[in-house]
C-alpha atoms as a PDB file:
ATOM      1  CA  UNK A   1     -17.987  13.799  13.473  1.00  0.00           C
ATOM      2  CA  UNK A   2     -15.974  15.380  16.239  1.00  0.00           C
ATOM      3  CA  UNK A   3     -15.385  19.099  16.596  1.00  0.00           C
ATOM      4  CA  UNK A   4     -12.120  20.742  17.711  1.00  0.00           C
ATOM      5  CA  UNK A   5     -11.601  24.491  18.291  1.00  0.00           C
ATOM      6  CA  UNK A   6      -8.298  25.671  16.759  1.00  0.00           C
ATOM      7  CA  UNK A   7      -7.068  28.670  18.853  1.00  0.00           C
ATOM      8  CA  UNK A   8      -4.250  30.428  20.228  1.00  0.00           C
ATOM      9  CA  UNK A   9      -4.299  28.747  23.633  1.00  0.00           C
ATOM     10  CA  UNK A  10      -5.205  32.156  25.235  1.00  0.00           C
ATOM     11  CA  UNK A  11      -8.671  31.173  25.983  1.00  0.00           C
ATOM     12  CA  UNK A  12     -10.131  33.077  23.335  1.00  0.00           C
ATOM     13  CA  UNK A  13     -12.432  31.791  20.640  1.00  0.00           C
ATOM     14  CA  UNK A  14     -10.733  30.049  17.732  1.00  0.00           C
ATOM     15  CA  UNK A  15     -11.699  28.474  14.352  1.00  0.00           C
ATOM     16  CA  UNK A  16     -14.119  25.409  14.611  1.00  0.00           C
ATOM     17  CA  UNK A  17     -12.719  22.435  12.847  1.00  0.00           C
ATOM     18  CA  UNK A  18     -14.935  19.467  12.057  1.00  0.00           C
ATOM     19  CA  UNK A  19     -12.981  16.104  12.377  1.00  0.00           C
ATOM     20  CA  UNK A  20     -14.585  13.025  10.694  1.00  0.00           C
ATOM     21  CA  UNK A  21     -12.803   9.894  11.856  1.00  0.00           C
ATOM     22  CA  UNK A  22     -14.024   8.081   8.835  1.00  0.00           C
ATOM     23  CA  UNK A  23     -12.606  10.620   6.571  1.00  0.00           C
ATOM     24  CA  UNK A  24      -9.205  10.598   8.096  1.00  0.00           C
ATOM     25  CA  UNK A  25      -8.997   6.712   8.144  1.00  0.00           C
ATOM     26  CA  UNK A  26     -10.067   6.795   4.445  1.00  0.00           C
ATOM     27  CA  UNK A  27      -7.236   9.205   3.644  1.00  0.00           C
ATOM     28  CA  UNK A  28      -4.626   7.085   5.505  1.00  0.00           C
ATOM     29  CA  UNK A  29      -5.939   3.895   3.704  1.00  0.00           C
ATOM     30  CA  UNK A  30      -5.821   5.492   0.488  1.00  0.00           C
ATOM     31  CA  UNK A  31      -2.390   6.838   0.903  1.00  0.00           C
ATOM     32  CA  UNK A  32      -1.244   3.401   2.274  1.00  0.00           C
ATOM     33  CA  UNK A  33      -2.612   1.718  -0.790  1.00  0.00           C
ATOM     34  CA  UNK A  34      -0.906   4.173  -3.138  1.00  0.00           C
ATOM     35  CA  UNK A  35       2.449   3.624  -1.397  1.00  0.00           C
ATOM     36  CA  UNK A  36       1.996  -0.414  -1.580  1.00  0.00           C
ATOM     37  CA  UNK A  37       1.067  -0.113  -5.300  1.00  0.00           C
ATOM     38  CA  UNK A  38       3.975   1.950  -5.981  1.00  0.00           C
ATOM     39  CA  UNK A  39       6.281  -0.170  -3.902  1.00  0.00           C
ATOM     40  CA  UNK A  40       4.934  -3.687  -5.185  1.00  0.00           C
ATOM     41  CA  UNK A  41       4.068  -3.106  -8.741  1.00  0.00           C
ATOM     42  CA  UNK A  42       5.319   0.399 -10.164  1.00  0.00           C
ATOM     43  CA  UNK A  43       8.859   0.220  -9.068  1.00  0.00           C
ATOM     44  CA  UNK A  44       9.589  -3.482 -10.015  1.00  0.00           C
ATOM     45  CA  UNK A  45       8.020  -3.178 -13.260  1.00  0.00           C
ATOM     46  CA  UNK A  46       9.696   0.034 -13.990  1.00  0.00           C
ATOM     47  CA  UNK A  47      13.106  -1.825 -13.440  1.00  0.00           C
ATOM     48  CA  UNK A  48      12.082  -4.759 -15.810  1.00  0.00           C
ATOM     49  CA  UNK A  49      11.171  -2.400 -18.463  1.00  0.00           C
ATOM     50  CA  UNK A  50      14.553  -0.560 -18.248  1.00  0.00           C
ATOM     51  CA  UNK A  51      16.206  -3.941 -18.647  1.00  0.00           C
ATOM     52  CA  UNK A  52      14.486  -5.040 -21.942  1.00  0.00           C
ATOM     53  CA  UNK A  53      16.875  -5.271 -24.910  1.00  0.00           C
ATOM     54  CA  UNK A  54      14.643  -2.842 -26.958  1.00  0.00           C
ATOM     55  CA  UNK A  55      15.463  -0.159 -24.590  1.00  0.00           C
ATOM     56  CA  UNK A  56      19.065  -0.996 -23.459  1.00  0.00           C
ATOM     57  CA  UNK A  57      20.515  -1.605 -26.874  1.00  0.00           C
ATOM     58  CA  UNK A  58      17.772  -1.361 -29.409  1.00  0.00           C
ATOM     59  CA  UNK A  59      16.139   1.231 -31.525  1.00  0.00           C
ATOM     60  CA  UNK A  60      14.444   2.999 -28.268  1.00  0.00           C
ATOM     61  CA  UNK A  61      18.036   3.297 -26.641  1.00  0.00           C
ATOM     62  CA  UNK A  62      18.297   7.090 -27.652  1.00  0.00           C
ATOM     63  CA  UNK A  63      14.716   7.647 -26.661  1.00  0.00           C
ATOM     64  CA  UNK A  64      15.284   6.091 -23.292  1.00  0.00           C
ATOM     65  CA  UNK A  65      17.813   8.528 -22.071  1.00  0.00           C
ATOM     66  CA  UNK A  66      14.748  10.098 -20.279  1.00  0.00           C
ATOM     67  CA  UNK A  67      14.167   6.798 -18.542  1.00  0.00           C
ATOM     68  CA  UNK A  68      16.401   7.710 -15.633  1.00  0.00           C
ATOM     69  CA  UNK A  69      14.528  11.050 -15.184  1.00  0.00           C
ATOM     70  CA  UNK A  70      11.192   8.950 -15.380  1.00  0.00           C
ATOM     71  CA  UNK A  71      12.597   6.731 -12.504  1.00  0.00           C
ATOM     72  CA  UNK A  72      13.345   9.888 -10.470  1.00  0.00           C
ATOM     73  CA  UNK A  73       9.638  11.065 -10.886  1.00  0.00           C
ATOM     74  CA  UNK A  74       8.252   7.669  -9.739  1.00  0.00           C
ATOM     75  CA  UNK A  75      10.559   7.892  -6.660  1.00  0.00           C
ATOM     76  CA  UNK A  76       9.524  11.436  -6.149  1.00  0.00           C
ATOM     77  CA  UNK A  77       5.805  10.365  -6.158  1.00  0.00           C
ATOM     78  CA  UNK A  78       6.619   7.632  -3.831  1.00  0.00           C
ATOM     79  CA  UNK A  79       8.472   9.982  -1.622  1.00  0.00           C
ATOM     80  CA  UNK A  80       5.457  12.500  -1.781  1.00  0.00           C
ATOM     81  CA  UNK A  81       2.907  10.133  -0.841  1.00  0.00           C
ATOM     82  CA  UNK A  82       5.018   8.771   2.102  1.00  0.00           C
ATOM     83  CA  UNK A  83       5.557  12.215   3.351  1.00  0.00           C
ATOM     84  CA  UNK A  84       1.719  12.916   3.274  1.00  0.00           C
ATOM     85  CA  UNK A  85       1.066   9.630   5.052  1.00  0.00           C
ATOM     86  CA  UNK A  86       3.498  10.637   7.709  1.00  0.00           C
ATOM     87  CA  UNK A  87       2.101  14.053   8.189  1.00  0.00           C
ATOM     88  CA  UNK A  88      -1.410  12.710   8.570  1.00  0.00           C
ATOM     89  CA  UNK A  89      -0.132  10.282  11.289  1.00  0.00           C
ATOM     90  CA  UNK A  90       1.706  13.099  12.833  1.00  0.00           C
ATOM     91  CA  UNK A  91      -1.439  15.145  12.876  1.00  0.00           C
ATOM     92  CA  UNK A  92      -3.496  12.246  14.565  1.00  0.00           C
ATOM     93  CA  UNK A  93      -0.703  11.908  17.285  1.00  0.00           C
ATOM     94  CA  UNK A  94      -0.713  15.648  17.874  1.00  0.00           C
ATOM     95  CA  UNK A  95      -4.461  15.594  18.154  1.00  0.00           C
ATOM     96  CA  UNK A  96      -4.278  12.673  20.460  1.00  0.00           C
ATOM     97  CA  UNK A  97      -1.908  14.528  22.757  1.00  0.00           C
ATOM     98  CA  UNK A  98      -4.102  17.563  22.686  1.00  0.00           C
ATOM     99  CA  UNK A  99      -7.219  15.638  23.687  1.00  0.00           C
ATOM    100  CA  UNK A 100      -5.271  14.284  26.746  1.00  0.00           C
ATOM    101  CA  UNK A 101      -4.091  17.533  27.808  1.00  0.00           C
ATOM    102  CA  UNK A 102      -7.730  19.034  27.637  1.00  0.00           C
ATOM    103  CA  UNK A 103      -8.927  16.040  29.557  1.00  0.00           C
ATOM    104  CA  UNK A 104      -6.208  16.448  32.153  1.00  0.00           C
ATOM    105  CA  UNK A 105      -7.270  20.210  32.553  1.00  0.00           C
ATOM    106  CA  UNK A 106     -10.813  19.550  32.792  1.00  0.00           C
ATOM    107  CA  UNK A 107     -10.137  16.796  35.696  1.00  0.00           C
ATOM    108  CA  UNK A 108      -7.862  19.383  37.291  1.00  0.00           C
ATOM    109  CA  UNK A 109     -10.644  21.995  37.292  1.00  0.00           C
ATOM    110  CA  UNK A 110     -13.053  19.503  38.550  1.00  0.00           C
ATOM    111  CA  UNK A 111     -10.828  18.529  41.435  1.00  0.00           C
ATOM    112  CA  UNK A 112     -11.312  14.809  40.914  1.00  0.00           C
END
């Protein structure tokens, strides 16, 4: 587990944040799995379901007026998980940049 101090950059003490690489990797992998599931299974099957005669011209036709709204909800779900995944990756990239900057400051102080 790694620790990072989040502060205001003014040299004062900040809040200690524990960073567990395994947990971050697990989060990213779960998000990717969910996105893949929505792309490969949910979306195509929803489309197939919507094209069944029972729903398009049969007795459920009136009930299926909410089908478009349900599709939008699934797409919203996909968008939300995609956004969450992007945010985690952005955080990792920000942490990587911050680590590089800290290393450069240490090297400069050591005059190496």
